[in-house]
Amino acid sequence: MSRPRKQADTYACSVNSIMATRAFARGVAEVRAGRPPDFDRNNWDWEYERGRQWATVAPKDMPLKIGRSLNLAAIQIFLESEIP
């Protein structure tokens, strides 16, 4: 009988800290450009996948940021969509 594998380490983080990452923005940009996921490059980056998920529910013309700040409407969509 084999031993169960250890789960990934988890830690608390804010929605803002997730959405402000380069990986999140890269996931958004790839979906909006119609590119398939690049899991080989981004395999362990949860923010990348979250960005891809957000881009599928957010309006395509909604900016992730306004200037240097996260778009408050974009944050609201993240919260309402229950992206893990």
N, C-alpha and C. Protein backbone atom coordinates (compact mmCIF):
# COMPACT_ATOMS: atom_id res chain seq x y z
N MET A 1 0.83 -1.17 0.00
CA MET A 1 0.00 0.00 0.00
C MET A 1 0.89 1.25 0.00
N SER A 2 0.60 2.18 -0.87
CA SER A 2 1.44 3.37 -0.94
C SER A 2 0.94 4.45 0.01
N ARG A 3 1.86 5.28 0.41
CA ARG A 3 1.53 6.40 1.28
C ARG A 3 0.86 7.53 0.51
N PRO A 4 -0.08 8.22 1.13
CA PRO A 4 -0.67 9.38 0.44
C PRO A 4 0.40 10.46 0.24
N ARG A 5 0.31 11.15 -0.86
CA ARG A 5 1.26 12.23 -1.13
C ARG A 5 0.92 13.44 -0.29
N LYS A 6 1.95 14.18 0.06
CA LYS A 6 1.75 15.41 0.80
C LYS A 6 1.10 16.44 -0.11
N GLN A 7 0.16 17.17 0.42
CA GLN A 7 -0.48 18.24 -0.33
C GLN A 7 0.46 19.42 -0.45
N ALA A 8 0.13 20.32 -1.36
CA ALA A 8 0.93 21.54 -1.53
C ALA A 8 0.83 22.39 -0.27
N ASP A 9 1.92 23.06 0.05
CA ASP A 9 1.89 24.00 1.17
C ASP A 9 0.98 25.16 0.80
N THR A 10 0.23 25.63 1.76
CA THR A 10 -0.67 26.75 1.52
C THR A 10 -0.35 27.88 2.49
N TYR A 11 -0.77 29.05 2.13
CA TYR A 11 -0.60 30.21 2.99
C TYR A 11 -1.69 31.22 2.65
N ALA A 12 -2.01 32.05 3.60
CA ALA A 12 -3.03 33.08 3.39
C ALA A 12 -2.45 34.21 2.55
N CYS A 13 -3.25 34.72 1.63
CA CYS A 13 -2.83 35.86 0.82
C CYS A 13 -4.08 36.63 0.38
N SER A 14 -3.88 37.87 0.04
CA SER A 14 -5.01 38.70 -0.36
C SER A 14 -5.26 38.60 -1.86
N VAL A 15 -6.47 38.95 -2.25
CA VAL A 15 -6.81 39.00 -3.67
C VAL A 15 -5.89 40.00 -4.37
N ASN A 16 -5.65 41.13 -3.74
CA ASN A 16 -4.77 42.13 -4.34
C ASN A 16 -3.38 41.56 -4.60
N SER A 17 -2.83 40.81 -3.65
CA SER A 17 -1.49 40.27 -3.84
C SER A 17 -1.47 39.23 -4.96
N ILE A 18 -2.55 38.50 -5.14
CA ILE A 18 -2.64 37.52 -6.23
C ILE A 18 -2.70 38.25 -7.57
N MET A 19 -3.62 39.22 -7.67
CA MET A 19 -3.85 39.89 -8.95
C MET A 19 -2.71 40.81 -9.37
N ALA A 20 -1.87 41.20 -8.43
CA ALA A 20 -0.77 42.11 -8.74
C ALA A 20 0.47 41.39 -9.27
N THR A 21 0.44 40.06 -9.33
CA THR A 21 1.63 39.32 -9.76
C THR A 21 1.79 39.33 -11.28
N ARG A 22 3.02 39.18 -11.71
CA ARG A 22 3.30 39.06 -13.15
C ARG A 22 2.66 37.80 -13.73
N ALA A 23 2.66 36.74 -12.94
CA ALA A 23 2.09 35.48 -13.43
C ALA A 23 0.60 35.63 -13.70
N PHE A 24 -0.12 36.32 -12.83
CA PHE A 24 -1.55 36.55 -13.05
C PHE A 24 -1.74 37.32 -14.35
N ALA A 25 -0.99 38.41 -14.52
CA ALA A 25 -1.10 39.22 -15.74
C ALA A 25 -0.74 38.42 -16.98
N ARG A 26 0.25 37.53 -16.87
CA ARG A 26 0.63 36.69 -18.01
C ARG A 26 -0.51 35.75 -18.38
N GLY A 27 -1.16 35.16 -17.39
CA GLY A 27 -2.31 34.30 -17.66
C GLY A 27 -3.43 35.05 -18.36
N VAL A 28 -3.71 36.26 -17.90
CA VAL A 28 -4.74 37.09 -18.52
C VAL A 28 -4.36 37.38 -19.98
N ALA A 29 -3.14 37.81 -20.19
CA ALA A 29 -2.68 38.18 -21.54
C ALA A 29 -2.76 37.00 -22.50
N GLU A 30 -2.41 35.81 -22.03
CA GLU A 30 -2.44 34.64 -22.91
C GLU A 30 -3.85 34.27 -23.31
N VAL A 31 -4.79 34.32 -22.38
CA VAL A 31 -6.18 34.02 -22.71
C VAL A 31 -6.70 35.05 -23.71
N ARG A 32 -6.44 36.31 -23.44
CA ARG A 32 -6.94 37.38 -24.31
C ARG A 32 -6.31 37.33 -25.70
N ALA A 33 -5.13 36.77 -25.81
CA ALA A 33 -4.47 36.63 -27.11
C ALA A 33 -4.87 35.32 -27.80
N GLY A 34 -5.67 34.50 -27.12
CA GLY A 34 -6.12 33.25 -27.70
C GLY A 34 -5.09 32.14 -27.66
N ARG A 35 -4.06 32.31 -26.83
CA ARG A 35 -3.02 31.28 -26.73
C ARG A 35 -3.44 30.18 -25.75
N PRO A 36 -3.04 28.95 -26.03
CA PRO A 36 -3.31 27.87 -25.10
C PRO A 36 -2.44 28.01 -23.86
N PRO A 37 -2.81 27.35 -22.78
CA PRO A 37 -1.99 27.43 -21.56
C PRO A 37 -0.59 26.88 -21.79
N ASP A 38 0.38 27.51 -21.15
CA ASP A 38 1.77 27.07 -21.23
C ASP A 38 2.14 26.46 -19.87
N PHE A 39 1.59 25.27 -19.61
CA PHE A 39 1.79 24.65 -18.31
C PHE A 39 3.23 24.19 -18.10
N ASP A 40 3.96 23.93 -19.18
CA ASP A 40 5.37 23.55 -19.02
C ASP A 40 6.14 24.69 -18.37
N ARG A 41 5.86 25.90 -18.79
CA ARG A 41 6.57 27.07 -18.24
C ARG A 41 5.99 27.50 -16.89
N ASN A 42 4.71 27.32 -16.69
CA ASN A 42 4.02 27.86 -15.53
C ASN A 42 3.37 26.79 -14.66
N ASN A 43 3.92 25.61 -14.64
CA ASN A 43 3.29 24.47 -14.00
C ASN A 43 2.97 24.67 -12.52
N TRP A 44 3.80 25.33 -11.77
CA TRP A 44 3.58 25.44 -10.33
C TRP A 44 3.10 26.82 -9.91
N ASP A 45 2.67 27.61 -10.85
CA ASP A 45 2.30 28.98 -10.56
C ASP A 45 0.78 29.11 -10.50
N TRP A 46 0.23 29.09 -9.32
CA TRP A 46 -1.23 29.18 -9.16
C TRP A 46 -1.76 30.50 -9.67
N GLU A 47 -0.99 31.58 -9.51
CA GLU A 47 -1.46 32.89 -9.95
C GLU A 47 -1.64 32.91 -11.47
N TYR A 48 -0.80 32.21 -12.19
CA TYR A 48 -0.93 32.10 -13.65
C TYR A 48 -2.29 31.50 -13.99
N GLU A 49 -2.63 30.40 -13.38
CA GLU A 49 -3.90 29.74 -13.67
C GLU A 49 -5.07 30.61 -13.22
N ARG A 50 -4.94 31.28 -12.08
CA ARG A 50 -6.00 32.19 -11.63
C ARG A 50 -6.21 33.32 -12.63
N GLY A 51 -5.12 33.83 -13.20
CA GLY A 51 -5.23 34.87 -14.22
C GLY A 51 -5.96 34.37 -15.45
N ARG A 52 -5.68 33.16 -15.84
CA ARG A 52 -6.38 32.56 -16.99
C ARG A 52 -7.86 32.41 -16.68
N GLN A 53 -8.18 31.96 -15.48
CA GLN A 53 -9.59 31.81 -15.11
C GLN A 53 -10.31 33.15 -15.08
N TRP A 54 -9.66 34.15 -14.49
CA TRP A 54 -10.27 35.47 -14.41
C TRP A 54 -10.55 36.01 -15.81
N ALA A 55 -9.61 35.82 -16.73
CA ALA A 55 -9.76 36.33 -18.09
C ALA A 55 -10.93 35.69 -18.82
N THR A 56 -11.36 34.52 -18.40
CA THR A 56 -12.50 33.89 -19.06
C THR A 56 -13.83 34.44 -18.58
N VAL A 57 -13.87 35.07 -17.42
CA VAL A 57 -15.12 35.61 -16.90
C VAL A 57 -15.20 37.14 -16.97
N ALA A 58 -14.07 37.80 -17.07
CA ALA A 58 -14.05 39.27 -17.13
C ALA A 58 -14.30 39.73 -18.56
N PRO A 59 -14.91 40.89 -18.73
CA PRO A 59 -15.05 41.43 -20.09
C PRO A 59 -13.67 41.61 -20.73
N LYS A 60 -13.56 41.27 -22.01
CA LYS A 60 -12.25 41.32 -22.68
C LYS A 60 -11.65 42.72 -22.69
N ASP A 61 -12.49 43.74 -22.65
CA ASP A 61 -11.96 45.10 -22.70
C ASP A 61 -11.72 45.69 -21.32
N MET A 62 -11.92 44.90 -20.25
CA MET A 62 -11.69 45.40 -18.89
C MET A 62 -10.21 45.35 -18.58
N PRO A 63 -9.62 46.49 -18.25
CA PRO A 63 -8.20 46.47 -17.89
C PRO A 63 -7.99 45.86 -16.50
N LEU A 64 -6.92 45.13 -16.36
CA LEU A 64 -6.56 44.57 -15.06
C LEU A 64 -6.11 45.70 -14.13
N LYS A 65 -5.40 46.66 -14.70
CA LYS A 65 -4.91 47.79 -13.92
C LYS A 65 -5.32 49.10 -14.60
N ILE A 66 -5.43 50.11 -13.78
CA ILE A 66 -5.61 51.47 -14.27
C ILE A 66 -4.40 52.24 -13.73
N GLY A 67 -3.54 52.63 -14.64
CA GLY A 67 -2.26 53.19 -14.21
C GLY A 67 -1.46 52.08 -13.54
N ARG A 68 -1.03 52.33 -12.33
CA ARG A 68 -0.26 51.32 -11.57
C ARG A 68 -1.12 50.58 -10.56
N SER A 69 -2.39 50.94 -10.46
CA SER A 69 -3.28 50.35 -9.46
C SER A 69 -4.20 49.31 -10.09
N LEU A 70 -4.53 48.30 -9.31
CA LEU A 70 -5.49 47.32 -9.78
C LEU A 70 -6.84 48.00 -9.99
N ASN A 71 -7.53 47.58 -11.02
CA ASN A 71 -8.86 48.08 -11.33
C ASN A 71 -9.84 47.51 -10.29
N LEU A 72 -10.54 48.37 -9.58
CA LEU A 72 -11.47 47.90 -8.55
C LEU A 72 -12.57 47.01 -9.12
N ALA A 73 -13.01 47.29 -10.34
CA ALA A 73 -14.03 46.44 -10.97
C ALA A 73 -13.45 45.05 -11.27
N ALA A 74 -12.18 44.99 -11.61
CA ALA A 74 -11.53 43.69 -11.87
C ALA A 74 -11.44 42.87 -10.58
N ILE A 75 -11.13 43.54 -9.50
CA ILE A 75 -11.09 42.85 -8.20
C ILE A 75 -12.47 42.30 -7.85
N GLN A 76 -13.50 43.10 -8.08
CA GLN A 76 -14.87 42.67 -7.78
C GLN A 76 -15.24 41.42 -8.57
N ILE A 77 -14.85 41.38 -9.82
CA ILE A 77 -15.14 40.19 -10.65
C ILE A 77 -14.41 38.98 -10.08
N PHE A 78 -13.19 39.14 -9.67
CA PHE A 78 -12.44 38.04 -9.07
C PHE A 78 -13.20 37.50 -7.86
N LEU A 79 -13.63 38.40 -6.99
CA LEU A 79 -14.34 37.99 -5.77
C LEU A 79 -15.67 37.32 -6.08
N GLU A 80 -16.40 37.85 -7.04
CA GLU A 80 -17.71 37.31 -7.37
C GLU A 80 -17.63 35.97 -8.09
N SER A 81 -16.55 35.73 -8.80
CA SER A 81 -16.42 34.51 -9.58
C SER A 81 -15.93 33.32 -8.74
N GLU A 82 -15.52 33.59 -7.54
CA GLU A 82 -15.07 32.55 -6.61
C GLU A 82 -13.90 31.75 -7.17
N ILE A 83 -12.97 32.44 -7.81
CA ILE A 83 -11.76 31.78 -8.30
C ILE A 83 -10.96 31.31 -7.07
N PRO A 84 -10.57 30.04 -7.06
CA PRO A 84 -9.86 29.52 -5.87
C PRO A 84 -8.49 30.12 -5.67
